[in-house]
Amino acid sequence: MALDFITLNGLAILVVAIAAFIAVYYFLKVAKYLIVNSIVGLILLFISNIVIGMLNMGFSVDINWVSILICAVGGIPGVIIVILLGLLNVPLVPL
């Protein structure tokens, strides 16, 4: 009787450990994608600001914590949104 209880506990712990390992694996896989996307977005924001400033295109992309947050969360689409808002002269100012 005691052997069955120990075996069931060991089996339950093994199942929980495998499930936790799988959950951590998929979380890190998604987190890696989000981190790379954020870094690429921030780099593109700074590069686009330099290029727009060098070409004197008639508008500017303000770099503040709102635009950095949009680019960090949105990545490349976030950079496109910030550039389009700068082109339309919509200020990205904190409330």
PDB file of N, CA and C in Angstrom:
ATOM      1  N   MET A   1       0.820  -1.190   0.000  1.00  0.00           N
ATOM      2  CA  MET A   1       0.000   0.000   0.000  1.00  0.00           C
ATOM      3  C   MET A   1       0.866   1.257   0.000  1.00  0.00           C
ATOM      4  N   ALA A   2       1.904   1.283   0.843  1.00  0.00           N
ATOM      5  CA  ALA A   2       2.765   2.453   0.925  1.00  0.00           C
ATOM      6  C   ALA A   2       3.571   2.625  -0.353  1.00  0.00           C
ATOM      7  N   LEU A   3       3.932   1.538  -0.981  1.00  0.00           N
ATOM      8  CA  LEU A   3       4.700   1.605  -2.218  1.00  0.00           C
ATOM      9  C   LEU A   3       3.877   2.230  -3.335  1.00  0.00           C
ATOM     10  N   ASP A   4       2.596   1.937  -3.387  1.00  0.00           N
ATOM     11  CA  ASP A   4       1.729   2.529  -4.399  1.00  0.00           C
ATOM     12  C   ASP A   4       1.617   4.037  -4.211  1.00  0.00           C
ATOM     13  N   PHE A   5       1.533   4.499  -2.958  1.00  0.00           N
ATOM     14  CA  PHE A   5       1.425   5.928  -2.671  1.00  0.00           C
ATOM     15  C   PHE A   5       2.694   6.661  -3.090  1.00  0.00           C
ATOM     16  N   ILE A   6       3.848   6.075  -2.802  1.00  0.00           N
ATOM     17  CA  ILE A   6       5.121   6.687  -3.173  1.00  0.00           C
ATOM     18  C   ILE A   6       5.268   6.718  -4.692  1.00  0.00           C
ATOM     19  N   THR A   7       4.860   5.676  -5.353  1.00  0.00           N
ATOM     20  CA  THR A   7       4.947   5.618  -6.807  1.00  0.00           C
ATOM     21  C   THR A   7       4.044   6.658  -7.447  1.00  0.00           C
ATOM     22  N   LEU A   8       2.838   6.828  -6.915  1.00  0.00           N
ATOM     23  CA  LEU A   8       1.919   7.834  -7.456  1.00  0.00           C
ATOM     24  C   LEU A   8       2.437   9.250  -7.217  1.00  0.00           C
ATOM     25  N   ASN A   9       3.027   9.491  -6.044  1.00  0.00           N
ATOM     26  CA  ASN A   9       3.607  10.813  -5.778  1.00  0.00           C
ATOM     27  C   ASN A   9       4.768  11.099  -6.723  1.00  0.00           C
ATOM     28  N   GLY A  10       5.614  10.120  -6.919  1.00  0.00           N
ATOM     29  CA  GLY A  10       6.744  10.293  -7.837  1.00  0.00           C
ATOM     30  C   GLY A  10       6.284  10.544  -9.255  1.00  0.00           C
ATOM     31  N   LEU A  11       5.251   9.827  -9.665  1.00  0.00           N
ATOM     32  CA  LEU A  11       4.704  10.013 -11.005  1.00  0.00           C
ATOM     33  C   LEU A  11       4.072  11.397 -11.158  1.00  0.00           C
ATOM     34  N   ALA A  12       3.367  11.850 -10.125  1.00  0.00           N
ATOM     35  CA  ALA A  12       2.745  13.177 -10.172  1.00  0.00           C
ATOM     36  C   ALA A  12       3.808  14.270 -10.232  1.00  0.00           C
ATOM     37  N   ILE A  13       4.861  14.113  -9.458  1.00  0.00           N
ATOM     38  CA  ILE A  13       5.947  15.097  -9.480  1.00  0.00           C
ATOM     39  C   ILE A  13       6.620  15.116 -10.846  1.00  0.00           C
ATOM     40  N   LEU A  14       6.800  13.959 -11.441  1.00  0.00           N
ATOM     41  CA  LEU A  14       7.405  13.881 -12.769  1.00  0.00           C
ATOM     42  C   LEU A  14       6.533  14.576 -13.815  1.00  0.00           C
ATOM     43  N   VAL A  15       5.236  14.365 -13.758  1.00  0.00           N
ATOM     44  CA  VAL A  15       4.319  15.002 -14.711  1.00  0.00           C
ATOM     45  C   VAL A  15       4.334  16.515 -14.534  1.00  0.00           C
ATOM     46  N   VAL A  16       4.314  16.992 -13.293  1.00  0.00           N
ATOM     47  CA  VAL A  16       4.351  18.434 -13.033  1.00  0.00           C
ATOM     48  C   VAL A  16       5.678  19.025 -13.498  1.00  0.00           C
ATOM     49  N   ALA A  17       6.775  18.328 -13.283  1.00  0.00           N
ATOM     50  CA  ALA A  17       8.085  18.825 -13.714  1.00  0.00           C
ATOM     51  C   ALA A  17       8.166  18.914 -15.233  1.00  0.00           C
ATOM     52  N   ILE A  18       7.642  17.923 -15.926  1.00  0.00           N
ATOM     53  CA  ILE A  18       7.651  17.956 -17.393  1.00  0.00           C
ATOM     54  C   ILE A  18       6.772  19.092 -17.905  1.00  0.00           C
ATOM     55  N   ALA A  19       5.598  19.282 -17.297  1.00  0.00           N
ATOM     56  CA  ALA A  19       4.706  20.369 -17.707  1.00  0.00           C
ATOM     57  C   ALA A  19       5.355  21.729 -17.455  1.00  0.00           C
ATOM     58  N   ALA A  20       6.041  21.882 -16.328  1.00  0.00           N
ATOM     59  CA  ALA A  20       6.723  23.141 -16.031  1.00  0.00           C
ATOM     60  C   ALA A  20       7.854  23.393 -17.020  1.00  0.00           C
ATOM     61  N   PHE A  21       8.598  22.356 -17.366  1.00  0.00           N
ATOM     62  CA  PHE A  21       9.680  22.497 -18.338  1.00  0.00           C
ATOM     63  C   PHE A  21       9.139  22.937 -19.692  1.00  0.00           C
ATOM     64  N   ILE A  22       8.044  22.336 -20.129  1.00  0.00           N
ATOM     65  CA  ILE A  22       7.438  22.707 -21.413  1.00  0.00           C
ATOM     66  C   ILE A  22       6.935  24.145 -21.376  1.00  0.00           C
ATOM     67  N   ALA A  23       6.315  24.551 -20.270  1.00  0.00           N
ATOM     68  CA  ALA A  23       5.805  25.920 -20.147  1.00  0.00           C
ATOM     69  C   ALA A  23       6.943  26.937 -20.184  1.00  0.00           C
ATOM     70  N   VAL A  24       8.028  26.663 -19.476  1.00  0.00           N
ATOM     71  CA  VAL A  24       9.177  27.576 -19.473  1.00  0.00           C
ATOM     72  C   VAL A  24       9.816  27.639 -20.853  1.00  0.00           C
ATOM     73  N   TYR A  25       9.895  26.516 -21.542  1.00  0.00           N
ATOM     74  CA  TYR A  25      10.473  26.487 -22.885  1.00  0.00           C
ATOM     75  C   TYR A  25       9.685  27.387 -23.836  1.00  0.00           C
ATOM     76  N   TYR A  26       8.361  27.243 -23.851  1.00  0.00           N
ATOM     77  CA  TYR A  26       7.554  28.056 -24.758  1.00  0.00           C
ATOM     78  C   TYR A  26       7.557  29.526 -24.354  1.00  0.00           C
ATOM     79  N   PHE A  27       7.609  29.812 -23.042  1.00  0.00           N
ATOM     80  CA  PHE A  27       7.690  31.201 -22.597  1.00  0.00           C
ATOM     81  C   PHE A  27       8.990  31.842 -23.062  1.00  0.00           C
ATOM     82  N   LEU A  28      10.102  31.149 -22.922  1.00  0.00           N
ATOM     83  CA  LEU A  28      11.388  31.703 -23.349  1.00  0.00           C
ATOM     84  C   LEU A  28      11.465  31.840 -24.861  1.00  0.00           C
ATOM     85  N   LYS A  29      10.817  30.945 -25.578  1.00  0.00           N
ATOM     86  CA  LYS A  29      10.795  31.028 -27.034  1.00  0.00           C
ATOM     87  C   LYS A  29      10.057  32.292 -27.477  1.00  0.00           C
ATOM     88  N   VAL A  30       8.919  32.587 -26.861  1.00  0.00           N
ATOM     89  CA  VAL A  30       8.154  33.794 -27.178  1.00  0.00           C
ATOM     90  C   VAL A  30       8.897  35.034 -26.681  1.00  0.00           C
ATOM     91  N   ALA A  31       9.486  34.966 -25.499  1.00  0.00           N
ATOM     92  CA  ALA A  31      10.206  36.109 -24.948  1.00  0.00           C
ATOM     93  C   ALA A  31      11.399  36.478 -25.826  1.00  0.00           C
ATOM     94  N   LYS A  32      12.080  35.496 -26.382  1.00  0.00           N
ATOM     95  CA  LYS A  32      13.218  35.765 -27.264  1.00  0.00           C
ATOM     96  C   LYS A  32      12.759  36.548 -28.489  1.00  0.00           C
ATOM     97  N   TYR A  33      11.644  36.141 -29.077  1.00  0.00           N
ATOM     98  CA  TYR A  33      11.096  36.850 -30.237  1.00  0.00           C
ATOM     99  C   TYR A  33      10.731  38.291 -29.870  1.00  0.00           C
ATOM    100  N   LEU A  34      10.104  38.490 -28.718  1.00  0.00           N
ATOM    101  CA  LEU A  34       9.700  39.836 -28.312  1.00  0.00           C
ATOM    102  C   LEU A  34      10.907  40.725 -28.021  1.00  0.00           C
ATOM    103  N   ILE A  35      11.930  40.174 -27.411  1.00  0.00           N
ATOM    104  CA  ILE A  35      13.129  40.957 -27.107  1.00  0.00           C
ATOM    105  C   ILE A  35      13.844  41.363 -28.389  1.00  0.00           C
ATOM    106  N   VAL A  36      13.987  40.446 -29.328  1.00  0.00           N
ATOM    107  CA  VAL A  36      14.637  40.770 -30.606  1.00  0.00           C
ATOM    108  C   VAL A  36      13.824  41.816 -31.358  1.00  0.00           C
ATOM    109  N   ASN A  37      12.497  41.671 -31.371  1.00  0.00           N
ATOM    110  CA  ASN A  37      11.630  42.625 -32.050  1.00  0.00           C
ATOM    111  C   ASN A  37      11.751  44.011 -31.416  1.00  0.00           C
ATOM    112  N   SER A  38      11.825  44.082 -30.100  1.00  0.00           N
ATOM    113  CA  SER A  38      11.965  45.364 -29.412  1.00  0.00           C
ATOM    114  C   SER A  38      13.302  46.023 -29.724  1.00  0.00           C
ATOM    115  N   ILE A  39      14.373  45.253 -29.712  1.00  0.00           N
ATOM    116  CA  ILE A  39      15.698  45.812 -29.991  1.00  0.00           C
ATOM    117  C   ILE A  39      15.775  46.325 -31.424  1.00  0.00           C
ATOM    118  N   VAL A  40      15.240  45.558 -32.368  1.00  0.00           N
ATOM    119  CA  VAL A  40      15.238  45.998 -33.769  1.00  0.00           C
ATOM    120  C   VAL A  40      14.409  47.269 -33.918  1.00  0.00           C
ATOM    121  N   GLY A  41      13.268  47.341 -33.244  1.00  0.00           N
ATOM    122  CA  GLY A  41      12.428  48.534 -33.309  1.00  0.00           C
ATOM    123  C   GLY A  41      13.129  49.769 -32.769  1.00  0.00           C
ATOM    124  N   LEU A  42      13.820  49.630 -31.647  1.00  0.00           N
ATOM    125  CA  LEU A  42      14.526  50.778 -31.069  1.00  0.00           C
ATOM    126  C   LEU A  42      15.694  51.221 -31.945  1.00  0.00           C
ATOM    127  N   ILE A  43      16.423  50.267 -32.507  1.00  0.00           N
ATOM    128  CA  ILE A  43      17.528  50.620 -33.405  1.00  0.00           C
ATOM    129  C   ILE A  43      17.000  51.338 -34.638  1.00  0.00           C
ATOM    130  N   LEU A  44      15.897  50.844 -35.207  1.00  0.00           N
ATOM    131  CA  LEU A  44      15.310  51.504 -36.376  1.00  0.00           C
ATOM    132  C   LEU A  44      14.787  52.892 -36.049  1.00  0.00           C
ATOM    133  N   LEU A  45      14.279  53.092 -34.833  1.00  0.00           N
ATOM    134  CA  LEU A  45      13.821  54.425 -34.430  1.00  0.00           C
ATOM    135  C   LEU A  45      14.984  55.409 -34.449  1.00  0.00           C
ATOM    136  N   PHE A  46      16.107  55.035 -33.872  1.00  0.00           N
ATOM    137  CA  PHE A  46      17.255  55.935 -33.843  1.00  0.00           C
ATOM    138  C   PHE A  46      17.848  56.141 -35.239  1.00  0.00           C
ATOM    139  N   ILE A  47      17.906  55.095 -36.045  1.00  0.00           N
ATOM    140  CA  ILE A  47      18.425  55.238 -37.410  1.00  0.00           C
ATOM    141  C   ILE A  47      17.512  56.124 -38.241  1.00  0.00           C
ATOM    142  N   SER A  48      16.197  55.933 -38.112  1.00  0.00           N
ATOM    143  CA  SER A  48      15.268  56.764 -38.885  1.00  0.00           C
ATOM    144  C   SER A  48      15.345  58.217 -38.449  1.00  0.00           C
ATOM    145  N   ASN A  49      15.564  58.468 -37.174  1.00  0.00           N
ATOM    146  CA  ASN A  49      15.706  59.845 -36.705  1.00  0.00           C
ATOM    147  C   ASN A  49      16.956  60.492 -37.298  1.00  0.00           C
ATOM    148  N   ILE A  50      18.043  59.753 -37.380  1.00  0.00           N
ATOM    149  CA  ILE A  50      19.279  60.283 -37.966  1.00  0.00           C
ATOM    150  C   ILE A  50      19.097  60.542 -39.456  1.00  0.00           C
ATOM    151  N   VAL A  51      18.487  59.594 -40.173  1.00  0.00           N
ATOM    152  CA  VAL A  51      18.297  59.738 -41.622  1.00  0.00           C
ATOM    153  C   VAL A  51      17.356  60.897 -41.929  1.00  0.00           C
ATOM    154  N   ILE A  52      16.265  61.008 -41.191  1.00  0.00           N
ATOM    155  CA  ILE A  52      15.314  62.107 -41.418  1.00  0.00           C
ATOM    156  C   ILE A  52      15.978  63.441 -41.121  1.00  0.00           C
ATOM    157  N   GLY A  53      16.809  63.493 -40.095  1.00  0.00           N
ATOM    158  CA  GLY A  53      17.523  64.730 -39.786  1.00  0.00           C
ATOM    159  C   GLY A  53      18.560  65.082 -40.835  1.00  0.00           C
ATOM    160  N   MET A  54      19.257  64.080 -41.381  1.00  0.00           N
ATOM    161  CA  MET A  54      20.283  64.348 -42.393  1.00  0.00           C
ATOM    162  C   MET A  54      19.670  64.773 -43.717  1.00  0.00           C
ATOM    163  N   LEU A  55      18.530  64.202 -44.072  1.00  0.00           N
ATOM    164  CA  LEU A  55      17.902  64.526 -45.350  1.00  0.00           C
ATOM    165  C   LEU A  55      17.026  65.774 -45.279  1.00  0.00           C
ATOM    166  N   ASN A  56      16.819  66.301 -44.071  1.00  0.00           N
ATOM    167  CA  ASN A  56      16.015  67.507 -43.863  1.00  0.00           C
ATOM    168  C   ASN A  56      14.671  67.375 -44.593  1.00  0.00           C
ATOM    169  N   MET A  57      13.893  66.392 -44.207  1.00  0.00           N
ATOM    170  CA  MET A  57      12.653  66.051 -44.892  1.00  0.00           C
ATOM    171  C   MET A  57      11.468  66.930 -44.501  1.00  0.00           C
ATOM    172  N   GLY A  58      11.628  67.863 -43.617  1.00  0.00           N
ATOM    173  CA  GLY A  58      10.543  68.769 -43.265  1.00  0.00           C
ATOM    174  C   GLY A  58       9.730  68.332 -42.062  1.00  0.00           C
ATOM    175  N   PHE A  59      10.040  67.204 -41.499  1.00  0.00           N
ATOM    176  CA  PHE A  59       9.386  66.773 -40.266  1.00  0.00           C
ATOM    177  C   PHE A  59      10.423  66.082 -39.404  1.00  0.00           C
ATOM    178  N   SER A  60      10.060  65.868 -38.180  1.00  0.00           N
ATOM    179  CA  SER A  60      11.010  65.221 -37.281  1.00  0.00           C
ATOM    180  C   SER A  60      10.302  64.135 -36.487  1.00  0.00           C
ATOM    181  N   VAL A  61      11.084  63.201 -36.046  1.00  0.00           N
ATOM    182  CA  VAL A  61      10.581  62.148 -35.173  1.00  0.00           C
ATOM    183  C   VAL A  61      11.121  62.451 -33.787  1.00  0.00           C
ATOM    184  N   ASP A  62      10.221  62.837 -32.903  1.00  0.00           N
ATOM    185  CA  ASP A  62      10.645  63.133 -31.542  1.00  0.00           C
ATOM    186  C   ASP A  62      10.931  61.834 -30.804  1.00  0.00           C
ATOM    187  N   ILE A  63      12.068  61.799 -30.155  1.00  0.00           N
ATOM    188  CA  ILE A  63      12.402  60.625 -29.356  1.00  0.00           C
ATOM    189  C   ILE A  63      12.203  61.000 -27.895  1.00  0.00           C
ATOM    190  N   ASN A  64      11.141  60.482 -27.325  1.00  0.00           N
ATOM    191  CA  ASN A  64      10.861  60.630 -25.906  1.00  0.00           C
ATOM    192  C   ASN A  64      10.403  59.277 -25.384  1.00  0.00           C
ATOM    193  N   TRP A  65       9.998  59.225 -24.145  1.00  0.00           N
ATOM    194  CA  TRP A  65       9.670  57.919 -23.582  1.00  0.00           C
ATOM    195  C   TRP A  65       8.415  57.320 -24.201  1.00  0.00           C
ATOM    196  N   VAL A  66       7.513  58.152 -24.748  1.00  0.00           N
ATOM    197  CA  VAL A  66       6.310  57.622 -25.396  1.00  0.00           C
ATOM    198  C   VAL A  66       6.686  56.929 -26.707  1.00  0.00           C
ATOM    199  N   SER A  67       7.500  57.583 -27.530  1.00  0.00           N
ATOM    200  CA  SER A  67       7.889  56.964 -28.801  1.00  0.00           C
ATOM    201  C   SER A  67       8.781  55.743 -28.575  1.00  0.00           C
ATOM    202  N   ILE A  68       9.633  55.791 -27.565  1.00  0.00           N
ATOM    203  CA  ILE A  68      10.468  54.632 -27.249  1.00  0.00           C
ATOM    204  C   ILE A  68       9.608  53.465 -26.782  1.00  0.00           C
ATOM    205  N   LEU A  69       8.584  53.752 -25.984  1.00  0.00           N
ATOM    206  CA  LEU A  69       7.687  52.696 -25.519  1.00  0.00           C
ATOM    207  C   LEU A  69       6.899  52.083 -26.674  1.00  0.00           C
ATOM    208  N   ILE A  70       6.431  52.928 -27.602  1.00  0.00           N
ATOM    209  CA  ILE A  70       5.703  52.419 -28.772  1.00  0.00           C
ATOM    210  C   ILE A  70       6.606  51.518 -29.605  1.00  0.00           C
ATOM    211  N   CYS A  71       7.847  51.931 -29.806  1.00  0.00           N
ATOM    212  CA  CYS A  71       8.774  51.131 -30.616  1.00  0.00           C
ATOM    213  C   CYS A  71       9.224  49.870 -29.883  1.00  0.00           C
ATOM    214  N   ALA A  72       9.363  49.945 -28.572  1.00  0.00           N
ATOM    215  CA  ALA A  72       9.776  48.760 -27.818  1.00  0.00           C
ATOM    216  C   ALA A  72       8.673  47.714 -27.789  1.00  0.00           C
ATOM    217  N   VAL A  73       7.437  48.153 -27.684  1.00  0.00           N
ATOM    218  CA  VAL A  73       6.324  47.201 -27.650  1.00  0.00           C
ATOM    219  C   VAL A  73       5.950  46.750 -29.057  1.00  0.00           C
ATOM    220  N   GLY A  74       5.935  47.696 -30.007  1.00  0.00           N
ATOM    221  CA  GLY A  74       5.472  47.383 -31.353  1.00  0.00           C
ATOM    222  C   GLY A  74       6.532  46.894 -32.306  1.00  0.00           C
ATOM    223  N   GLY A  75       7.783  47.148 -32.005  1.00  0.00           N
ATOM    224  CA  GLY A  75       8.849  46.727 -32.914  1.00  0.00           C
ATOM    225  C   GLY A  75       8.832  47.529 -34.202  1.00  0.00           C
ATOM    226  N   ILE A  76       8.960  46.861 -35.327  1.00  0.00           N
ATOM    227  CA  ILE A  76       9.003  47.530 -36.632  1.00  0.00           C
ATOM    228  C   ILE A  76       7.683  48.234 -36.951  1.00  0.00           C
ATOM    229  N   PRO A  77       6.519  47.612 -36.719  1.00  0.00           N
ATOM    230  CA  PRO A  77       5.276  48.366 -36.933  1.00  0.00           C
ATOM    231  C   PRO A  77       5.171  49.594 -36.028  1.00  0.00           C
ATOM    232  N   GLY A  78       5.720  49.519 -34.835  1.00  0.00           N
ATOM    233  CA  GLY A  78       5.736  50.674 -33.941  1.00  0.00           C
ATOM    234  C   GLY A  78       6.560  51.818 -34.509  1.00  0.00           C
ATOM    235  N   VAL A  79       7.693  51.501 -35.129  1.00  0.00           N
ATOM    236  CA  VAL A  79       8.525  52.530 -35.765  1.00  0.00           C
ATOM    237  C   VAL A  79       7.766  53.178 -36.915  1.00  0.00           C
ATOM    238  N   ILE A  80       7.075  52.366 -37.705  1.00  0.00           N
ATOM    239  CA  ILE A  80       6.297  52.909 -38.825  1.00  0.00           C
ATOM    240  C   ILE A  80       5.204  53.836 -38.304  1.00  0.00           C
ATOM    241  N   ILE A  81       4.546  53.452 -37.221  1.00  0.00           N
ATOM    242  CA  ILE A  81       3.507  54.301 -36.635  1.00  0.00           C
ATOM    243  C   ILE A  81       4.097  55.612 -36.146  1.00  0.00           C
ATOM    244  N   VAL A  82       5.234  55.566 -35.467  1.00  0.00           N
ATOM    245  CA  VAL A  82       5.863  56.793 -34.950  1.00  0.00           C
ATOM    246  C   VAL A  82       6.287  57.703 -36.101  1.00  0.00           C
ATOM    247  N   ILE A  83       6.834  57.137 -37.171  1.00  0.00           N
ATOM    248  CA  ILE A  83       7.242  57.946 -38.327  1.00  0.00           C
ATOM    249  C   ILE A  83       6.022  58.564 -38.995  1.00  0.00           C
ATOM    250  N   LEU A  84       4.957  57.788 -39.164  1.00  0.00           N
ATOM    251  CA  LEU A  84       3.740  58.342 -39.774  1.00  0.00           C
ATOM    252  C   LEU A  84       3.122  59.437 -38.909  1.00  0.00           C
ATOM    253  N   LEU A  85       3.137  59.262 -37.604  1.00  0.00           N
ATOM    254  CA  LEU A  85       2.621  60.311 -36.725  1.00  0.00           C
ATOM    255  C   LEU A  85       3.497  61.560 -36.792  1.00  0.00           C
ATOM    256  N   GLY A  86       4.803  61.390 -36.927  1.00  0.00           N
ATOM    257  CA  GLY A  86       5.690  62.538 -37.110  1.00  0.00           C
ATOM    258  C   GLY A  86       5.444  63.230 -38.434  1.00  0.00           C
ATOM    259  N   LEU A  87       5.163  62.449 -39.473  1.00  0.00           N
ATOM    260  CA  LEU A  87       4.861  63.006 -40.788  1.00  0.00           C
ATOM    261  C   LEU A  87       3.563  63.803 -40.766  1.00  0.00           C
ATOM    262  N   LEU A  88       2.600  63.361 -39.967  1.00  0.00           N
ATOM    263  CA  LEU A  88       1.317  64.057 -39.840  1.00  0.00           C
ATOM    264  C   LEU A  88       1.340  65.143 -38.763  1.00  0.00           C
ATOM    265  N   ASN A  89       2.513  65.410 -38.199  1.00  0.00           N
ATOM    266  CA  ASN A  89       2.706  66.418 -37.152  1.00  0.00           C
ATOM    267  C   ASN A  89       1.855  66.156 -35.918  1.00  0.00           C
ATOM    268  N   VAL A  90       1.689  64.905 -35.574  1.00  0.00           N
ATOM    269  CA  VAL A  90       0.990  64.544 -34.340  1.00  0.00           C
ATOM    270  C   VAL A  90       2.041  64.421 -33.247  1.00  0.00           C
ATOM    271  N   PRO A  91       1.953  65.260 -32.218  1.00  0.00           N
ATOM    272  CA  PRO A  91       2.986  65.202 -31.176  1.00  0.00           C
ATOM    273  C   PRO A  91       2.798  63.984 -30.274  1.00  0.00           C
ATOM    274  N   LEU A  92       3.880  63.331 -29.972  1.00  0.00           N
ATOM    275  CA  LEU A  92       3.862  62.219 -29.026  1.00  0.00           C
ATOM    276  C   LEU A  92       4.369  62.742 -27.689  1.00  0.00           C
ATOM    277  N   VAL A  93       3.479  63.365 -26.961  1.00  0.00           N
ATOM    278  CA  VAL A  93       3.853  63.944 -25.677  1.00  0.00           C
ATOM    279  C   VAL A  93       3.140  63.183 -24.572  1.00  0.00           C
ATOM    280  N   PRO A  94       3.796  63.024 -23.461  1.00  0.00           N
ATOM    281  CA  PRO A  94       3.139  62.358 -22.331  1.00  0.00           C
ATOM    282  C   PRO A  94       2.034  63.229 -21.762  1.00  0.00           C
ATOM    283  N   LEU A  95       1.008  62.578 -21.240  1.00  0.00           N
ATOM    284  CA  LEU A  95      -0.116  63.324 -20.661  1.00  0.00           C
ATOM    285  C   LEU A  95       0.205  63.824 -19.289  1.00  0.00           C
TER     286      LEU A  95
END
